[in-house]
Amino acid sequence: MLELIGLPFTTIPSTLSEPPIAGEEPVQYARTLAQQKALDIAEKNPHALVLGADTIVLIDGKVLGKPAGSDEALHMLTLLSGKTHDVITAYSFIHLQLQIVENYHISTKVHFRELRKSEMLQYIETGAPFDKAGAYGIQDYSAIFVDKVEGCFYNVVGLPISDLYSKLTHILQSNNITLK
């Protein structure tokens, strides 16, 4: 998605596990994970501006992460069927040398139409749900599940591009940083 807006970047996946963080509210949980992911990479690259992000799905006060298997994916999709849920993406910018630590989040409401079990099973068989919070990716076949989005579409994809660009521009200007 960063390519969409012409930003130069190098992808370095974090090896950080994503265990539930006991006692944290969902937004803080996502913000903590995003910051920990960014810090994991920034510690190995202290002269770089690092972006870390985490997306969660929240329905009825319950956080839906990435499903561990087909049964869990079916359970998540069933929970989302016919309801509105929140997709929260938190993202962090860290530059250790310049002592920059900035954390943000965006929430988008997504409504699913009533889903048939056969549709959910067909989607699960593609393998697509297993690396996605809430067991779906709005940018793939599961787009047919969504009948309404309130807020940033790209947030649901996994990165709120407009908000991120605005915050990044401010950080770059405030710290006299030029992207290469």
C-alpha atoms as a PDB file:
ATOM      1  CA  MET A   1       0.000   0.000   0.000  1.00  0.00           C
ATOM      2  CA  LEU A   2       2.936   2.328   0.548  1.00  0.00           C
ATOM      3  CA  GLU A   3       3.726   1.897  -3.141  1.00  0.00           C
ATOM      4  CA  LEU A   4       0.325   3.443  -3.906  1.00  0.00           C
ATOM      5  CA  ILE A   5       1.570   6.768  -2.593  1.00  0.00           C
ATOM      6  CA  GLY A   6       5.138   6.492  -3.878  1.00  0.00           C
ATOM      7  CA  LEU A   7       6.944   6.060  -0.572  1.00  0.00           C
ATOM      8  CA  PRO A   8      10.316   4.345  -0.680  1.00  0.00           C
ATOM      9  CA  PHE A   9      10.559   1.499   1.828  1.00  0.00           C
ATOM     10  CA  THR A  10      12.133  -1.810   2.655  1.00  0.00           C
ATOM     11  CA  THR A  11      10.000  -4.564   4.144  1.00  0.00           C
ATOM     12  CA  ILE A  12      11.528  -6.281   7.167  1.00  0.00           C
ATOM     13  CA  PRO A  13       9.052  -8.592   8.890  1.00  0.00           C
ATOM     14  CA  SER A  14       9.003  -8.549  12.661  1.00  0.00           C
ATOM     15  CA  THR A  15       9.433 -11.921  14.317  1.00  0.00           C
ATOM     16  CA  LEU A  16       7.530 -10.723  17.361  1.00  0.00           C
ATOM     17  CA  SER A  17       4.811 -13.105  18.517  1.00  0.00           C
ATOM     18  CA  GLU A  18       1.363 -11.615  19.026  1.00  0.00           C
ATOM     19  CA  PRO A  19       0.123 -12.984  22.339  1.00  0.00           C
ATOM     20  CA  PRO A  20      -2.877 -11.400  24.017  1.00  0.00           C
ATOM     21  CA  ILE A  21      -1.757  -8.617  26.315  1.00  0.00           C
ATOM     22  CA  ALA A  22      -3.633  -9.153  29.557  1.00  0.00           C
ATOM     23  CA  GLY A  23      -5.683  -6.285  30.888  1.00  0.00           C
ATOM     24  CA  GLU A  24      -5.362  -3.938  27.915  1.00  0.00           C
ATOM     25  CA  GLU A  25      -8.310  -2.416  26.120  1.00  0.00           C
ATOM     26  CA  PRO A  26      -8.535  -3.379  22.417  1.00  0.00           C
ATOM     27  CA  VAL A  27      -7.227  -0.061  21.057  1.00  0.00           C
ATOM     28  CA  GLN A  28      -4.315  -0.067  23.491  1.00  0.00           C
ATOM     29  CA  TYR A  29      -3.620  -3.712  22.641  1.00  0.00           C
ATOM     30  CA  ALA A  30      -3.290  -2.861  18.929  1.00  0.00           C
ATOM     31  CA  ARG A  31      -1.174   0.213  19.700  1.00  0.00           C
ATOM     32  CA  THR A  32       1.129  -1.826  21.944  1.00  0.00           C
ATOM     33  CA  LEU A  33       1.592  -4.518  19.291  1.00  0.00           C
ATOM     34  CA  ALA A  34       2.293  -1.949  16.577  1.00  0.00           C
ATOM     35  CA  GLN A  35       4.889  -0.228  18.745  1.00  0.00           C
ATOM     36  CA  GLN A  36       6.517  -3.525  19.760  1.00  0.00           C
ATOM     37  CA  LYS A  37       6.751  -4.603  16.104  1.00  0.00           C
ATOM     38  CA  ALA A  38       8.321  -1.277  15.130  1.00  0.00           C
ATOM     39  CA  LEU A  39      10.729  -1.420  18.067  1.00  0.00           C
ATOM     40  CA  ASP A  40      11.735  -4.986  17.166  1.00  0.00           C
ATOM     41  CA  ILE A  41      12.949  -3.742  13.777  1.00  0.00           C
ATOM     42  CA  ALA A  42      14.210  -0.337  14.969  1.00  0.00           C
ATOM     43  CA  GLU A  43      16.578  -1.959  17.461  1.00  0.00           C
ATOM     44  CA  LYS A  44      18.319  -3.653  14.514  1.00  0.00           C
ATOM     45  CA  ASN A  45      18.139  -0.463  12.396  1.00  0.00           C
ATOM     46  CA  PRO A  46      18.604   2.498  14.791  1.00  0.00           C
ATOM     47  CA  HIS A  47      19.296   4.992  11.956  1.00  0.00           C
ATOM     48  CA  ALA A  48      16.064   4.195  10.101  1.00  0.00           C
ATOM     49  CA  LEU A  49      12.541   5.483  10.432  1.00  0.00           C
ATOM     50  CA  VAL A  50      10.558   2.301  11.074  1.00  0.00           C
ATOM     51  CA  LEU A  51       6.837   1.787  10.633  1.00  0.00           C
ATOM     52  CA  GLY A  52       5.090  -0.997  12.534  1.00  0.00           C
ATOM     53  CA  ALA A  53       1.383  -1.755  12.326  1.00  0.00           C
ATOM     54  CA  ASP A  54      -1.218  -4.100  13.725  1.00  0.00           C
ATOM     55  CA  THR A  55      -4.852  -4.582  12.761  1.00  0.00           C
ATOM     56  CA  ILE A  56      -7.544  -6.129  14.913  1.00  0.00           C
ATOM     57  CA  VAL A  57     -11.224  -6.773  14.441  1.00  0.00           C
ATOM     58  CA  LEU A  58     -13.528  -5.967  17.334  1.00  0.00           C
ATOM     59  CA  ILE A  59     -17.076  -7.280  17.663  1.00  0.00           C
ATOM     60  CA  ASP A  60     -19.243  -7.160  20.765  1.00  0.00           C
ATOM     61  CA  GLY A  61     -16.196  -6.226  22.847  1.00  0.00           C
ATOM     62  CA  LYS A  62     -14.231  -9.266  21.659  1.00  0.00           C
ATOM     63  CA  VAL A  63     -10.939  -8.972  19.759  1.00  0.00           C
ATOM     64  CA  LEU A  64     -10.625 -11.218  16.738  1.00  0.00           C
ATOM     65  CA  GLY A  65      -7.044 -11.807  15.682  1.00  0.00           C
ATOM     66  CA  LYS A  66      -5.847 -14.219  13.023  1.00  0.00           C
ATOM     67  CA  PRO A  67      -7.627 -17.590  13.114  1.00  0.00           C
ATOM     68  CA  ALA A  68      -5.536 -20.623  14.067  1.00  0.00           C
ATOM     69  CA  GLY A  69      -7.465 -22.975  11.804  1.00  0.00           C
ATOM     70  CA  SER A  70     -10.602 -23.627   9.776  1.00  0.00           C
ATOM     71  CA  ASP A  71     -12.894 -24.051  12.779  1.00  0.00           C
ATOM     72  CA  GLU A  72     -11.781 -20.766  14.295  1.00  0.00           C
ATOM     73  CA  ALA A  73     -12.121 -18.994  10.940  1.00  0.00           C
ATOM     74  CA  LEU A  74     -15.672 -20.301  10.575  1.00  0.00           C
ATOM     75  CA  HIS A  75     -16.491 -19.205  14.126  1.00  0.00           C
ATOM     76  CA  MET A  76     -15.156 -15.677  13.439  1.00  0.00           C
ATOM     77  CA  LEU A  77     -17.024 -15.301  10.157  1.00  0.00           C
ATOM     78  CA  THR A  78     -20.197 -16.546  11.824  1.00  0.00           C
ATOM     79  CA  LEU A  79     -19.768 -13.909  14.561  1.00  0.00           C
ATOM     80  CA  LEU A  80     -19.403 -11.197  11.900  1.00  0.00           C
ATOM     81  CA  SER A  81     -22.313 -12.371   9.729  1.00  0.00           C
ATOM     82  CA  GLY A  82     -25.155  -9.840   9.606  1.00  0.00           C
ATOM     83  CA  LYS A  83     -23.440  -7.456  12.032  1.00  0.00           C
ATOM     84  CA  THR A  84     -21.325  -4.341  12.203  1.00  0.00           C
ATOM     85  CA  HIS A  85     -17.820  -4.619  13.621  1.00  0.00           C
ATOM     86  CA  ASP A  86     -14.862  -2.316  14.089  1.00  0.00           C
ATOM     87  CA  VAL A  87     -11.532  -2.692  12.339  1.00  0.00           C
ATOM     88  CA  ILE A  88      -8.794  -0.959  14.298  1.00  0.00           C
ATOM     89  CA  THR A  89      -5.365  -0.420  12.821  1.00  0.00           C
ATOM     90  CA  ALA A  90      -2.656   0.962  15.040  1.00  0.00           C
ATOM     91  CA  TYR A  91       0.634   2.101  13.618  1.00  0.00           C
ATOM     92  CA  SER A  92       3.885   3.373  15.099  1.00  0.00           C
ATOM     93  CA  PHE A  93       6.815   5.305  13.749  1.00  0.00           C
ATOM     94  CA  ILE A  94      10.115   4.799  15.569  1.00  0.00           C
ATOM     95  CA  HIS A  95      13.522   6.278  14.828  1.00  0.00           C
ATOM     96  CA  LEU A  96      15.845   5.410  17.707  1.00  0.00           C
ATOM     97  CA  GLN A  97      18.713   7.711  16.752  1.00  0.00           C
ATOM     98  CA  LEU A  98      16.380  10.728  16.573  1.00  0.00           C
ATOM     99  CA  GLN A  99      14.311   9.549  19.574  1.00  0.00           C
ATOM    100  CA  ILE A 100      11.062   9.498  17.607  1.00  0.00           C
ATOM    101  CA  VAL A 101       8.277   7.323  18.986  1.00  0.00           C
ATOM    102  CA  GLU A 102       4.847   8.182  17.577  1.00  0.00           C
ATOM    103  CA  ASN A 103       1.751   5.976  17.929  1.00  0.00           C
ATOM    104  CA  TYR A 104      -1.614   6.345  16.198  1.00  0.00           C
ATOM    105  CA  HIS A 105      -4.741   4.372  15.455  1.00  0.00           C
ATOM    106  CA  ILE A 106      -7.793   4.516  13.205  1.00  0.00           C
ATOM    107  CA  SER A 107     -11.117   2.733  13.546  1.00  0.00           C
ATOM    108  CA  THR A 108     -13.476   1.849  10.702  1.00  0.00           C
ATOM    109  CA  LYS A 109     -16.937   0.302  10.945  1.00  0.00           C
ATOM    110  CA  VAL A 110     -17.676  -2.583   8.589  1.00  0.00           C
ATOM    111  CA  HIS A 111     -21.051  -4.256   8.127  1.00  0.00           C
ATOM    112  CA  PHE A 112     -21.372  -7.815   6.810  1.00  0.00           C
ATOM    113  CA  ARG A 113     -24.532  -9.025   5.159  1.00  0.00           C
ATOM    114  CA  GLU A 114     -25.960 -12.341   6.382  1.00  0.00           C
ATOM    115  CA  LEU A 115     -23.578 -15.042   5.210  1.00  0.00           C
ATOM    116  CA  ARG A 116     -24.449 -18.572   4.166  1.00  0.00           C
ATOM    117  CA  LYS A 117     -22.353 -21.313   5.707  1.00  0.00           C
ATOM    118  CA  SER A 118     -21.457 -22.573   2.231  1.00  0.00           C
ATOM    119  CA  GLU A 119     -20.001 -19.126   1.346  1.00  0.00           C
ATOM    120  CA  MET A 120     -17.917 -19.045   4.493  1.00  0.00           C
ATOM    121  CA  LEU A 121     -16.619 -22.584   3.918  1.00  0.00           C
ATOM    122  CA  GLN A 122     -15.779 -21.809   0.288  1.00  0.00           C
ATOM    123  CA  TYR A 123     -13.790 -18.774   1.405  1.00  0.00           C
ATOM    124  CA  ILE A 124     -12.017 -20.719   4.153  1.00  0.00           C
ATOM    125  CA  GLU A 125     -10.993 -23.375   1.600  1.00  0.00           C
ATOM    126  CA  THR A 126      -8.998 -20.718  -0.276  1.00  0.00           C
ATOM    127  CA  GLY A 127      -6.679 -20.361   2.727  1.00  0.00           C
ATOM    128  CA  ALA A 128      -7.042 -16.580   2.596  1.00  0.00           C
ATOM    129  CA  PRO A 129      -8.504 -16.091   6.111  1.00  0.00           C
ATOM    130  CA  PHE A 130      -5.547 -17.484   8.029  1.00  0.00           C
ATOM    131  CA  ASP A 131      -3.254 -14.475   7.950  1.00  0.00           C
ATOM    132  CA  LYS A 132      -5.968 -11.879   8.473  1.00  0.00           C
ATOM    133  CA  ALA A 133      -7.538 -10.425  11.595  1.00  0.00           C
ATOM    134  CA  GLY A 134     -11.178 -11.442  11.802  1.00  0.00           C
ATOM    135  CA  ALA A 135     -10.582 -14.183   9.200  1.00  0.00           C
ATOM    136  CA  TYR A 136     -11.226 -11.980   6.163  1.00  0.00           C
ATOM    137  CA  GLY A 137      -9.537  -9.571   3.799  1.00  0.00           C
ATOM    138  CA  ILE A 138     -11.796  -6.948   2.255  1.00  0.00           C
ATOM    139  CA  GLN A 139      -9.463  -6.807  -0.757  1.00  0.00           C
ATOM    140  CA  ASP A 140     -10.033 -10.463  -1.686  1.00  0.00           C
ATOM    141  CA  TYR A 141     -13.020 -12.746  -2.325  1.00  0.00           C
ATOM    142  CA  SER A 142     -14.538 -11.853   1.047  1.00  0.00           C
ATOM    143  CA  ALA A 143     -15.334  -8.416  -0.383  1.00  0.00           C
ATOM    144  CA  ILE A 144     -18.691 -10.007  -1.262  1.00  0.00           C
ATOM    145  CA  PHE A 145     -19.429 -10.279   2.491  1.00  0.00           C
ATOM    146  CA  VAL A 146     -19.230  -6.512   3.038  1.00  0.00           C
ATOM    147  CA  ASP A 147     -22.221  -4.324   2.303  1.00  0.00           C
ATOM    148  CA  LYS A 148     -21.164  -1.135   4.100  1.00  0.00           C
ATOM    149  CA  VAL A 149     -17.966   0.588   5.239  1.00  0.00           C
ATOM    150  CA  GLU A 150     -17.973   3.686   7.429  1.00  0.00           C
ATOM    151  CA  GLY A 151     -14.540   5.267   7.521  1.00  0.00           C
ATOM    152  CA  CYS A 152     -11.251   4.543   5.818  1.00  0.00           C
ATOM    153  CA  PHE A 153     -11.417   1.607   3.395  1.00  0.00           C
ATOM    154  CA  TYR A 154      -7.627   1.243   3.400  1.00  0.00           C
ATOM    155  CA  ASN A 155      -7.711   0.885   7.170  1.00  0.00           C
ATOM    156  CA  VAL A 156      -9.702  -2.313   6.666  1.00  0.00           C
ATOM    157  CA  VAL A 157      -7.108  -3.496   4.157  1.00  0.00           C
ATOM    158  CA  GLY A 158      -4.509  -2.959   6.885  1.00  0.00           C
ATOM    159  CA  LEU A 159      -3.063   0.554   6.720  1.00  0.00           C
ATOM    160  CA  PRO A 160      -4.950   3.876   6.818  1.00  0.00           C
ATOM    161  CA  ILE A 161      -2.997   5.468   3.982  1.00  0.00           C
ATOM    162  CA  SER A 162      -4.360   9.033   4.156  1.00  0.00           C
ATOM    163  CA  ASP A 163      -3.958   9.343   7.932  1.00  0.00           C
ATOM    164  CA  LEU A 164      -0.553   7.663   7.837  1.00  0.00           C
ATOM    165  CA  TYR A 165       0.662   9.989   5.073  1.00  0.00           C
ATOM    166  CA  SER A 166      -0.458  13.037   7.019  1.00  0.00           C
ATOM    167  CA  LYS A 167       1.307  11.897  10.206  1.00  0.00           C
ATOM    168  CA  LEU A 168       4.430  10.811   8.315  1.00  0.00           C
ATOM    169  CA  THR A 169       4.678  14.157   6.510  1.00  0.00           C
ATOM    170  CA  HIS A 170       4.518  15.971   9.856  1.00  0.00           C
ATOM    171  CA  ILE A 171       7.211  13.726  11.380  1.00  0.00           C
ATOM    172  CA  LEU A 172       9.495  14.162   8.376  1.00  0.00           C
ATOM    173  CA  GLN A 173       9.122  17.957   8.333  1.00  0.00           C
ATOM    174  CA  SER A 174       9.449  18.327  12.117  1.00  0.00           C
ATOM    175  CA  ASN A 175      12.650  16.291  12.195  1.00  0.00           C
ATOM    176  CA  ASN A 176      14.141  17.442   8.894  1.00  0.00           C
ATOM    177  CA  ILE A 177      14.167  13.912   7.501  1.00  0.00           C
ATOM    178  CA  THR A 178      14.297  13.127   3.796  1.00  0.00           C
ATOM    179  CA  LEU A 179      13.176   9.712   2.583  1.00  0.00           C
ATOM    180  CA  LYS A 180      15.529   7.934   0.192  1.00  0.00           C
END
